Amino acid sequence: MQAVASVTGVPAAAMQSRRLLNREVRRARSLAWYLSHTEYGWPLYRVGAAFDRDRTTVAKACREVEDMRDDPALDGLLDRVGRGLAEITGQAEAA
C-alpha cells in the first residue's frame, strides 16, 4: 500500500478508510489490491482480509485494474511498482 501511496500521492490511511471515497482514492486502493494479488500472490480472500473487504469486492477491483492496463501509462506504472516490490521482497527474477 505504501508503494502505491508513494506513486499516486494518495495517503495509505485514505485507502484503508471505510468511508465513501473520491475516485482518485478508490483507484489507488484498487491498485494496491491488484498488486497485493499479482505481485505477492495473495489469494483474493487474503487481500480482502488485509483490507477488511469481501473477496468479491477485491475480485471486481482487480478485474477493473486489468481492464485499465490497456492504458500504456498505467501499465508502465504498475510494471515499475511491481518490479520495485519484487526487489524489496527479494522476488526479483534472476537475470
PDB file of N, CA and C in Angstrom:
ATOM      1  N   MET A   1       0.829  -1.184   0.000  1.00  0.00           N
ATOM      2  CA  MET A   1       0.000   0.000   0.000  1.00  0.00           C
ATOM      3  C   MET A   1       0.877   1.252   0.000  1.00  0.00           C
ATOM      4  N   GLN A   2       1.985   1.206   0.734  1.00  0.00           N
ATOM      5  CA  GLN A   2       2.883   2.361   0.770  1.00  0.00           C
ATOM      6  C   GLN A   2       3.467   2.645  -0.610  1.00  0.00           C
ATOM      7  N   ALA A   3       3.759   1.590  -1.371  1.00  0.00           N
ATOM      8  CA  ALA A   3       4.308   1.784  -2.717  1.00  0.00           C
ATOM      9  C   ALA A   3       3.303   2.519  -3.595  1.00  0.00           C
ATOM     10  N   VAL A   4       2.050   2.134  -3.515  1.00  0.00           N
ATOM     11  CA  VAL A   4       1.005   2.803  -4.299  1.00  0.00           C
ATOM     12  C   VAL A   4       0.815   4.227  -3.796  1.00  0.00           C
ATOM     13  N   ALA A   5       0.853   4.414  -2.483  1.00  0.00           N
ATOM     14  CA  ALA A   5       0.714   5.757  -1.917  1.00  0.00           C
ATOM     15  C   ALA A   5       1.820   6.674  -2.434  1.00  0.00           C
ATOM     16  N   SER A   6       3.036   6.156  -2.529  1.00  0.00           N
ATOM     17  CA  SER A   6       4.153   6.998  -2.958  1.00  0.00           C
ATOM     18  C   SER A   6       4.053   7.402  -4.429  1.00  0.00           C
ATOM     19  N   VAL A   7       3.491   6.557  -5.272  1.00  0.00           N
ATOM     20  CA  VAL A   7       3.406   6.911  -6.697  1.00  0.00           C
ATOM     21  C   VAL A   7       2.113   7.634  -7.064  1.00  0.00           C
ATOM     22  N   THR A   8       1.080   7.504  -6.244  1.00  0.00           N
ATOM     23  CA  THR A   8      -0.190   8.180  -6.558  1.00  0.00           C
ATOM     24  C   THR A   8      -0.405   9.449  -5.748  1.00  0.00           C
ATOM     25  N   GLY A   9       0.304   9.572  -4.626  1.00  0.00           N
ATOM     26  CA  GLY A   9       0.093  10.718  -3.750  1.00  0.00           C
ATOM     27  C   GLY A   9      -1.121  10.574  -2.856  1.00  0.00           C
ATOM     28  N   VAL A  10      -1.761   9.417  -2.882  1.00  0.00           N
ATOM     29  CA  VAL A  10      -2.928   9.155  -2.032  1.00  0.00           C
ATOM     30  C   VAL A  10      -2.432   8.513  -0.738  1.00  0.00           C
ATOM     31  N   PRO A  11      -2.726   9.111   0.413  1.00  0.00           N
ATOM     32  CA  PRO A  11      -2.248   8.544   1.677  1.00  0.00           C
ATOM     33  C   PRO A  11      -2.770   7.123   1.910  1.00  0.00           C
ATOM     34  N   ALA A  12      -1.912   6.287   2.460  1.00  0.00           N
ATOM     35  CA  ALA A  12      -2.295   4.904   2.748  1.00  0.00           C
ATOM     36  C   ALA A  12      -3.515   4.855   3.666  1.00  0.00           C
ATOM     37  N   ALA A  13      -3.588   5.764   4.618  1.00  0.00           N
ATOM     38  CA  ALA A  13      -4.728   5.786   5.540  1.00  0.00           C
ATOM     39  C   ALA A  13      -6.036   6.025   4.793  1.00  0.00           C
ATOM     40  N   ALA A  14      -5.997   6.835   3.755  1.00  0.00           N
ATOM     41  CA  ALA A  14      -7.210   7.089   2.967  1.00  0.00           C
ATOM     42  C   ALA A  14      -7.649   5.824   2.243  1.00  0.00           C
ATOM     43  N   MET A  15      -6.680   5.027   1.781  1.00  0.00           N
ATOM     44  CA  MET A  15      -7.020   3.783   1.087  1.00  0.00           C
ATOM     45  C   MET A  15      -7.647   2.766   2.031  1.00  0.00           C
ATOM     46  N   GLN A  16      -7.339   2.845   3.310  1.00  0.00           N
ATOM     47  CA  GLN A  16      -7.884   1.915   4.301  1.00  0.00           C
ATOM     48  C   GLN A  16      -9.267   2.338   4.795  1.00  0.00           C
ATOM     49  N   SER A  17      -9.658   3.562   4.517  1.00  0.00           N
ATOM     50  CA  SER A  17     -10.906   4.108   5.043  1.00  0.00           C
ATOM     51  C   SER A  17     -12.127   3.329   4.559  1.00  0.00           C
ATOM     52  N   ARG A  18     -13.127   3.207   5.417  1.00  0.00           N
ATOM     53  CA  ARG A  18     -14.402   2.578   5.057  1.00  0.00           C
ATOM     54  C   ARG A  18     -15.410   3.617   4.557  1.00  0.00           C
ATOM     55  N   ARG A  19     -15.054   4.889   4.650  1.00  0.00           N
ATOM     56  CA  ARG A  19     -15.966   5.955   4.223  1.00  0.00           C
ATOM     57  C   ARG A  19     -16.065   6.004   2.708  1.00  0.00           C
ATOM     58  N   LEU A  20     -17.060   6.711   2.222  1.00  0.00           N
ATOM     59  CA  LEU A  20     -17.181   6.932   0.781  1.00  0.00           C
ATOM     60  C   LEU A  20     -15.972   7.735   0.324  1.00  0.00           C
ATOM     61  N   LEU A  21     -15.356   7.290  -0.729  1.00  0.00           N
ATOM     62  CA  LEU A  21     -14.109   7.884  -1.173  1.00  0.00           C
ATOM     63  C   LEU A  21     -14.252   8.479  -2.562  1.00  0.00           C
ATOM     64  N   ASN A  22     -13.398   9.453  -2.837  1.00  0.00           N
ATOM     65  CA  ASN A  22     -13.426  10.013  -4.183  1.00  0.00           C
ATOM     66  C   ASN A  22     -12.770   9.046  -5.162  1.00  0.00           C
ATOM     67  N   ARG A  23     -12.905   9.345  -6.409  1.00  0.00           N
ATOM     68  CA  ARG A  23     -12.442   8.461  -7.479  1.00  0.00           C
ATOM     69  C   ARG A  23     -10.942   8.166  -7.393  1.00  0.00           C
ATOM     70  N   GLU A  24     -10.144   9.175  -7.082  1.00  0.00           N
ATOM     71  CA  GLU A  24      -8.691   9.014  -7.003  1.00  0.00           C
ATOM     72  C   GLU A  24      -8.296   8.021  -5.906  1.00  0.00           C
ATOM     73  N   VAL A  25      -8.935   8.123  -4.756  1.00  0.00           N
ATOM     74  CA  VAL A  25      -8.629   7.218  -3.644  1.00  0.00           C
ATOM     75  C   VAL A  25      -9.097   5.802  -3.976  1.00  0.00           C
ATOM     76  N   ARG A  26     -10.282   5.672  -4.551  1.00  0.00           N
ATOM     77  CA  ARG A  26     -10.776   4.337  -4.930  1.00  0.00           C
ATOM     78  C   ARG A  26      -9.841   3.673  -5.935  1.00  0.00           C
ATOM     79  N   ARG A  27      -9.354   4.449  -6.888  1.00  0.00           N
ATOM     80  CA  ARG A  27      -8.438   3.902  -7.896  1.00  0.00           C
ATOM     81  C   ARG A  27      -7.132   3.448  -7.243  1.00  0.00           C
ATOM     82  N   ALA A  28      -6.577   4.266  -6.367  1.00  0.00           N
ATOM     83  CA  ALA A  28      -5.330   3.902  -5.692  1.00  0.00           C
ATOM     84  C   ALA A  28      -5.521   2.642  -4.853  1.00  0.00           C
ATOM     85  N   ARG A  29      -6.640   2.557  -4.160  1.00  0.00           N
ATOM     86  CA  ARG A  29      -6.918   1.370  -3.343  1.00  0.00           C
ATOM     87  C   ARG A  29      -7.031   0.129  -4.230  1.00  0.00           C
ATOM     88  N   SER A  30      -7.690   0.267  -5.361  1.00  0.00           N
ATOM     89  CA  SER A  30      -7.800  -0.863  -6.290  1.00  0.00           C
ATOM     90  C   SER A  30      -6.431  -1.295  -6.796  1.00  0.00           C
ATOM     91  N   LEU A  31      -5.554  -0.338  -7.064  1.00  0.00           N
ATOM     92  CA  LEU A  31      -4.196  -0.671  -7.499  1.00  0.00           C
ATOM     93  C   LEU A  31      -3.448  -1.429  -6.406  1.00  0.00           C
ATOM     94  N   ALA A  32      -3.620  -1.005  -5.162  1.00  0.00           N
ATOM     95  CA  ALA A  32      -2.963  -1.698  -4.044  1.00  0.00           C
ATOM     96  C   ALA A  32      -3.478  -3.126  -3.922  1.00  0.00           C
ATOM     97  N   TRP A  33      -4.776  -3.323  -4.066  1.00  0.00           N
ATOM     98  CA  TRP A  33      -5.347  -4.672  -4.003  1.00  0.00           C
ATOM     99  C   TRP A  33      -4.805  -5.522  -5.137  1.00  0.00           C
ATOM    100  N   TYR A  34      -4.788  -4.951  -6.330  1.00  0.00           N
ATOM    101  CA  TYR A  34      -4.316  -5.673  -7.511  1.00  0.00           C
ATOM    102  C   TYR A  34      -2.864  -6.111  -7.331  1.00  0.00           C
ATOM    103  N   LEU A  35      -2.015  -5.201  -6.883  1.00  0.00           N
ATOM    104  CA  LEU A  35      -0.603  -5.536  -6.694  1.00  0.00           C
ATOM    105  C   LEU A  35      -0.409  -6.550  -5.572  1.00  0.00           C
ATOM    106  N   SER A  36      -1.218  -6.463  -4.533  1.00  0.00           N
ATOM    107  CA  SER A  36      -1.136  -7.467  -3.462  1.00  0.00           C
ATOM    108  C   SER A  36      -1.438  -8.853  -4.020  1.00  0.00           C
ATOM    109  N   HIS A  37      -2.395  -8.897  -4.913  1.00  0.00           N
ATOM    110  CA  HIS A  37      -2.793 -10.177  -5.512  1.00  0.00           C
ATOM    111  C   HIS A  37      -1.771 -10.669  -6.540  1.00  0.00           C
ATOM    112  N   THR A  38      -1.336  -9.783  -7.432  1.00  0.00           N
ATOM    113  CA  THR A  38      -0.470 -10.221  -8.528  1.00  0.00           C
ATOM    114  C   THR A  38       0.999 -10.316  -8.145  1.00  0.00           C
ATOM    115  N   GLU A  39       1.496  -9.400  -7.344  1.00  0.00           N
ATOM    116  CA  GLU A  39       2.925  -9.390  -7.020  1.00  0.00           C
ATOM    117  C   GLU A  39       3.266 -10.271  -5.827  1.00  0.00           C
ATOM    118  N   TYR A  40       2.379 -10.312  -4.845  1.00  0.00           N
ATOM    119  CA  TYR A  40       2.636 -11.149  -3.669  1.00  0.00           C
ATOM    120  C   TYR A  40       1.987 -12.518  -3.787  1.00  0.00           C
ATOM    121  N   GLY A  41       1.113 -12.667  -4.784  1.00  0.00           N
ATOM    122  CA  GLY A  41       0.442 -13.950  -4.967  1.00  0.00           C
ATOM    123  C   GLY A  41      -0.608 -14.248  -3.911  1.00  0.00           C
ATOM    124  N   TRP A  42      -1.056 -13.209  -3.231  1.00  0.00           N
ATOM    125  CA  TRP A  42      -2.079 -13.409  -2.210  1.00  0.00           C
ATOM    126  C   TRP A  42      -3.393 -13.804  -2.868  1.00  0.00           C
ATOM    127  N   PRO A  43      -4.077 -14.813  -2.324  1.00  0.00           N
ATOM    128  CA  PRO A  43      -5.422 -15.107  -2.830  1.00  0.00           C
ATOM    129  C   PRO A  43      -6.357 -13.943  -2.489  1.00  0.00           C
ATOM    130  N   LEU A  44      -7.427 -13.837  -3.248  1.00  0.00           N
ATOM    131  CA  LEU A  44      -8.340 -12.704  -3.072  1.00  0.00           C
ATOM    132  C   LEU A  44      -8.904 -12.622  -1.660  1.00  0.00           C
ATOM    133  N   TYR A  45      -9.170 -13.768  -1.031  1.00  0.00           N
ATOM    134  CA  TYR A  45      -9.710 -13.714   0.330  1.00  0.00           C
ATOM    135  C   TYR A  45      -8.692 -13.106   1.292  1.00  0.00           C
ATOM    136  N   ARG A  46      -7.392 -13.340   1.053  1.00  0.00           N
ATOM    137  CA  ARG A  46      -6.368 -12.768   1.937  1.00  0.00           C
ATOM    138  C   ARG A  46      -6.246 -11.260   1.727  1.00  0.00           C
ATOM    139  N   VAL A  47      -6.293 -10.821   0.471  1.00  0.00           N
ATOM    140  CA  VAL A  47      -6.269  -9.384   0.192  1.00  0.00           C
ATOM    141  C   VAL A  47      -7.470  -8.730   0.865  1.00  0.00           C
ATOM    142  N   GLY A  48      -8.637  -9.344   0.708  1.00  0.00           N
ATOM    143  CA  GLY A  48      -9.841  -8.808   1.339  1.00  0.00           C
ATOM    144  C   GLY A  48      -9.708  -8.717   2.844  1.00  0.00           C
ATOM    145  N   ALA A  49      -9.165  -9.747   3.462  1.00  0.00           N
ATOM    146  CA  ALA A  49      -8.997  -9.742   4.919  1.00  0.00           C
ATOM    147  C   ALA A  49      -8.022  -8.650   5.348  1.00  0.00           C
ATOM    148  N   ALA A  50      -6.951  -8.460   4.588  1.00  0.00           N
ATOM    149  CA  ALA A  50      -5.952  -7.444   4.933  1.00  0.00           C
ATOM    150  C   ALA A  50      -6.525  -6.032   4.857  1.00  0.00           C
ATOM    151  N   PHE A  51      -7.485  -5.832   3.963  1.00  0.00           N
ATOM    152  CA  PHE A  51      -8.075  -4.509   3.780  1.00  0.00           C
ATOM    153  C   PHE A  51      -9.492  -4.421   4.346  1.00  0.00           C
ATOM    154  N   ASP A  52      -9.915  -5.458   5.064  1.00  0.00           N
ATOM    155  CA  ASP A  52     -11.247  -5.502   5.669  1.00  0.00           C
ATOM    156  C   ASP A  52     -12.349  -5.344   4.618  1.00  0.00           C
ATOM    157  N   ARG A  53     -12.204  -6.107   3.529  1.00  0.00           N
ATOM    158  CA  ARG A  53     -13.195  -6.100   2.460  1.00  0.00           C
ATOM    159  C   ARG A  53     -13.510  -7.536   2.061  1.00  0.00           C
ATOM    160  N   ASP A  54     -14.641  -7.738   1.445  1.00  0.00           N
ATOM    161  CA  ASP A  54     -15.035  -9.050   0.955  1.00  0.00           C
ATOM    162  C   ASP A  54     -14.203  -9.404  -0.277  1.00  0.00           C
ATOM    163  N   ARG A  55     -13.922 -10.685  -0.455  1.00  0.00           N
ATOM    164  CA  ARG A  55     -13.104 -11.121  -1.593  1.00  0.00           C
ATOM    165  C   ARG A  55     -13.755 -10.781  -2.929  1.00  0.00           C
ATOM    166  N   THR A  56     -15.086 -10.742  -2.979  1.00  0.00           N
ATOM    167  CA  THR A  56     -15.755 -10.418  -4.240  1.00  0.00           C
ATOM    168  C   THR A  56     -15.537  -8.948  -4.615  1.00  0.00           C
ATOM    169  N   THR A  57     -15.450  -8.089  -3.623  1.00  0.00           N
ATOM    170  CA  THR A  57     -15.155  -6.675  -3.867  1.00  0.00           C
ATOM    171  C   THR A  57     -13.748  -6.536  -4.430  1.00  0.00           C
ATOM    172  N   VAL A  58     -12.808  -7.274  -3.839  1.00  0.00           N
ATOM    173  CA  VAL A  58     -11.421  -7.249  -4.308  1.00  0.00           C
ATOM    174  C   VAL A  58     -11.339  -7.816  -5.723  1.00  0.00           C
ATOM    175  N   ALA A  59     -12.054  -8.900  -5.989  1.00  0.00           N
ATOM    176  CA  ALA A  59     -12.033  -9.516  -7.319  1.00  0.00           C
ATOM    177  C   ALA A  59     -12.532  -8.535  -8.378  1.00  0.00           C
ATOM    178  N   LYS A  60     -13.602  -7.825  -8.077  1.00  0.00           N
ATOM    179  CA  LYS A  60     -14.149  -6.845  -9.027  1.00  0.00           C
ATOM    180  C   LYS A  60     -13.128  -5.744  -9.291  1.00  0.00           C
ATOM    181  N   ALA A  61     -12.487  -5.261  -8.239  1.00  0.00           N
ATOM    182  CA  ALA A  61     -11.483  -4.211  -8.402  1.00  0.00           C
ATOM    183  C   ALA A  61     -10.303  -4.707  -9.235  1.00  0.00           C
ATOM    184  N   CYS A  62      -9.875  -5.934  -9.006  1.00  0.00           N
ATOM    185  CA  CYS A  62      -8.753  -6.497  -9.771  1.00  0.00           C
ATOM    186  C   CYS A  62      -9.108  -6.629 -11.251  1.00  0.00           C
ATOM    187  N   ARG A  63     -10.333  -7.033 -11.544  1.00  0.00           N
ATOM    188  CA  ARG A  63     -10.771  -7.113 -12.948  1.00  0.00           C
ATOM    189  C   ARG A  63     -10.762  -5.724 -13.588  1.00  0.00           C
ATOM    190  N   GLU A  64     -11.200  -4.726 -12.841  1.00  0.00           N
ATOM    191  CA  GLU A  64     -11.223  -3.360 -13.367  1.00  0.00           C
ATOM    192  C   GLU A  64      -9.806  -2.854 -13.636  1.00  0.00           C
ATOM    193  N   VAL A  65      -8.869  -3.167 -12.735  1.00  0.00           N
ATOM    194  CA  VAL A  65      -7.478  -2.751 -12.951  1.00  0.00           C
ATOM    195  C   VAL A  65      -6.915  -3.455 -14.178  1.00  0.00           C
ATOM    196  N   GLU A  66      -7.216  -4.731 -14.342  1.00  0.00           N
ATOM    197  CA  GLU A  66      -6.764  -5.457 -15.540  1.00  0.00           C
ATOM    198  C   GLU A  66      -7.253  -4.747 -16.794  1.00  0.00           C
ATOM    199  N   ASP A  67      -8.506  -4.313 -16.794  1.00  0.00           N
ATOM    200  CA  ASP A  67      -9.049  -3.584 -17.940  1.00  0.00           C
ATOM    201  C   ASP A  67      -8.338  -2.242 -18.134  1.00  0.00           C
ATOM    202  N   MET A  68      -7.985  -1.580 -17.036  1.00  0.00           N
ATOM    203  CA  MET A  68      -7.308  -0.282 -17.114  1.00  0.00           C
ATOM    204  C   MET A  68      -5.885  -0.406 -17.644  1.00  0.00           C
ATOM    205  N   ARG A  69      -5.317  -1.604 -17.609  1.00  0.00           N
ATOM    206  CA  ARG A  69      -3.935  -1.795 -18.075  1.00  0.00           C
ATOM    207  C   ARG A  69      -3.808  -1.581 -19.578  1.00  0.00           C
ATOM    208  N   ASP A  70      -4.928  -1.387 -20.276  1.00  0.00           N
ATOM    209  CA  ASP A  70      -4.871  -1.028 -21.694  1.00  0.00           C
ATOM    210  C   ASP A  70      -4.237   0.350 -21.876  1.00  0.00           C
ATOM    211  N   ASP A  71      -4.268   1.164 -20.830  1.00  0.00           N
ATOM    212  CA  ASP A  71      -3.630   2.483 -20.838  1.00  0.00           C
ATOM    213  C   ASP A  71      -2.125   2.276 -20.639  1.00  0.00           C
ATOM    214  N   PRO A  72      -1.306   2.626 -21.640  1.00  0.00           N
ATOM    215  CA  PRO A  72       0.138   2.385 -21.532  1.00  0.00           C
ATOM    216  C   PRO A  72       0.782   3.055 -20.315  1.00  0.00           C
ATOM    217  N   ALA A  73       0.307   4.234 -19.938  1.00  0.00           N
ATOM    218  CA  ALA A  73       0.886   4.925 -18.783  1.00  0.00           C
ATOM    219  C   ALA A  73       0.624   4.141 -17.497  1.00  0.00           C
ATOM    220  N   LEU A  74      -0.596   3.676 -17.321  1.00  0.00           N
ATOM    221  CA  LEU A  74      -0.923   2.900 -16.121  1.00  0.00           C
ATOM    222  C   LEU A  74      -0.214   1.554 -16.143  1.00  0.00           C
ATOM    223  N   ASP A  75      -0.148   0.933 -17.302  1.00  0.00           N
ATOM    224  CA  ASP A  75       0.541  -0.346 -17.423  1.00  0.00           C
ATOM    225  C   ASP A  75       2.013  -0.198 -17.034  1.00  0.00           C
ATOM    226  N   GLY A  76       2.649   0.860 -17.515  1.00  0.00           N
ATOM    227  CA  GLY A  76       4.044   1.112 -17.164  1.00  0.00           C
ATOM    228  C   GLY A  76       4.221   1.375 -15.681  1.00  0.00           C
ATOM    229  N   LEU A  77       3.293   2.137 -15.105  1.00  0.00           N
ATOM    230  CA  LEU A  77       3.348   2.416 -13.665  1.00  0.00           C
ATOM    231  C   LEU A  77       3.254   1.123 -12.861  1.00  0.00           C
ATOM    232  N   LEU A  78       2.302   0.277 -13.203  1.00  0.00           N
ATOM    233  CA  LEU A  78       2.144  -0.987 -12.479  1.00  0.00           C
ATOM    234  C   LEU A  78       3.362  -1.889 -12.654  1.00  0.00           C
ATOM    235  N   ASP A  79       3.946  -1.890 -13.841  1.00  0.00           N
ATOM    236  CA  ASP A  79       5.167  -2.675 -14.058  1.00  0.00           C
ATOM    237  C   ASP A  79       6.305  -2.171 -13.173  1.00  0.00           C
ATOM    238  N   ARG A  80       6.484  -0.848 -13.120  1.00  0.00           N
ATOM    239  CA  ARG A  80       7.563  -0.277 -12.295  1.00  0.00           C
ATOM    240  C   ARG A  80       7.351  -0.570 -10.819  1.00  0.00           C
ATOM    241  N   VAL A  81       6.142  -0.370 -10.343  1.00  0.00           N
ATOM    242  CA  VAL A  81       5.861  -0.641  -8.929  1.00  0.00           C
ATOM    243  C   VAL A  81       6.035  -2.128  -8.647  1.00  0.00           C
ATOM    244  N   GLY A  82       5.561  -2.971  -9.545  1.00  0.00           N
ATOM    245  CA  GLY A  82       5.710  -4.412  -9.370  1.00  0.00           C
ATOM    246  C   GLY A  82       7.166  -4.836  -9.297  1.00  0.00           C
ATOM    247  N   ARG A  83       8.002  -4.275 -10.178  1.00  0.00           N
ATOM    248  CA  ARG A  83       9.438  -4.597 -10.133  1.00  0.00           C
ATOM    249  C   ARG A  83      10.057  -4.117  -8.830  1.00  0.00           C
ATOM    250  N   GLY A  84       9.661  -2.932  -8.393  1.00  0.00           N
ATOM    251  CA  GLY A  84      10.179  -2.409  -7.125  1.00  0.00           C
ATOM    252  C   GLY A  84       9.794  -3.295  -5.955  1.00  0.00           C
ATOM    253  N   LEU A  85       8.554  -3.750  -5.937  1.00  0.00           N
ATOM    254  CA  LEU A  85       8.114  -4.644  -4.863  1.00  0.00           C
ATOM    255  C   LEU A  85       8.874  -5.961  -4.905  1.00  0.00           C
ATOM    256  N   ALA A  86       9.117  -6.466  -6.108  1.00  0.00           N
ATOM    257  CA  ALA A  86       9.859  -7.724  -6.238  1.00  0.00           C
ATOM    258  C   ALA A  86      11.286  -7.567  -5.718  1.00  0.00           C
ATOM    259  N   GLU A  87      11.897  -6.423  -5.985  1.00  0.00           N
ATOM    260  CA  GLU A  87      13.249  -6.180  -5.479  1.00  0.00           C
ATOM    261  C   GLU A  87      13.256  -6.092  -3.957  1.00  0.00           C
ATOM    262  N   ILE A  88      12.290  -5.387  -3.407  1.00  0.00           N
ATOM    263  CA  ILE A  88      12.216  -5.219  -1.953  1.00  0.00           C
ATOM    264  C   ILE A  88      12.027  -6.559  -1.258  1.00  0.00           C
ATOM    265  N   THR A  89      11.195  -7.398  -1.826  1.00  0.00           N
ATOM    266  CA  THR A  89      10.884  -8.679  -1.178  1.00  0.00           C
ATOM    267  C   THR A  89      11.836  -9.793  -1.584  1.00  0.00           C
ATOM    268  N   GLY A  90      12.790  -9.473  -2.463  1.00  0.00           N
ATOM    269  CA  GLY A  90      13.744 -10.484  -2.895  1.00  0.00           C
ATOM    270  C   GLY A  90      13.174 -11.465  -3.891  1.00  0.00           C
ATOM    271  N   GLN A  91      12.084 -11.090  -4.549  1.00  0.00           N
ATOM    272  CA  GLN A  91      11.449 -11.979  -5.515  1.00  0.00           C
ATOM    273  C   GLN A  91      11.773 -11.603  -6.952  1.00  0.00           C
ATOM    274  N   ALA A  92      12.747 -10.690  -7.131  1.00  0.00           N
ATOM    275  CA  ALA A  92      13.112 -10.284  -8.487  1.00  0.00           C
ATOM    276  C   ALA A  92      13.703 -11.473  -9.227  1.00  0.00           C
ATOM    277  N   GLU A  93      13.340 -11.581 -10.488  1.00  0.00           N
ATOM    278  CA  GLU A  93      13.847 -12.686 -11.307  1.00  0.00           C
ATOM    279  C   GLU A  93      15.342 -12.502 -11.544  1.00  0.00           C
ATOM    280  N   ALA A  94      16.060 -13.586 -11.487  1.00  0.00           N
ATOM    281  CA  ALA A  94      17.493 -13.534 -11.760  1.00  0.00           C
ATOM    282  C   ALA A  94      17.711 -13.260 -13.243  1.00  0.00           C
ATOM    283  N   ALA A  95      18.663 -12.385 -13.518  1.00  0.00           N
ATOM    284  CA  ALA A  95      18.923 -12.023 -14.922  1.00  0.00           C
ATOM    285  C   ALA A  95      19.824 -13.032 -15.586  1.00  0.00           C
TER     286      ALA A  95
END
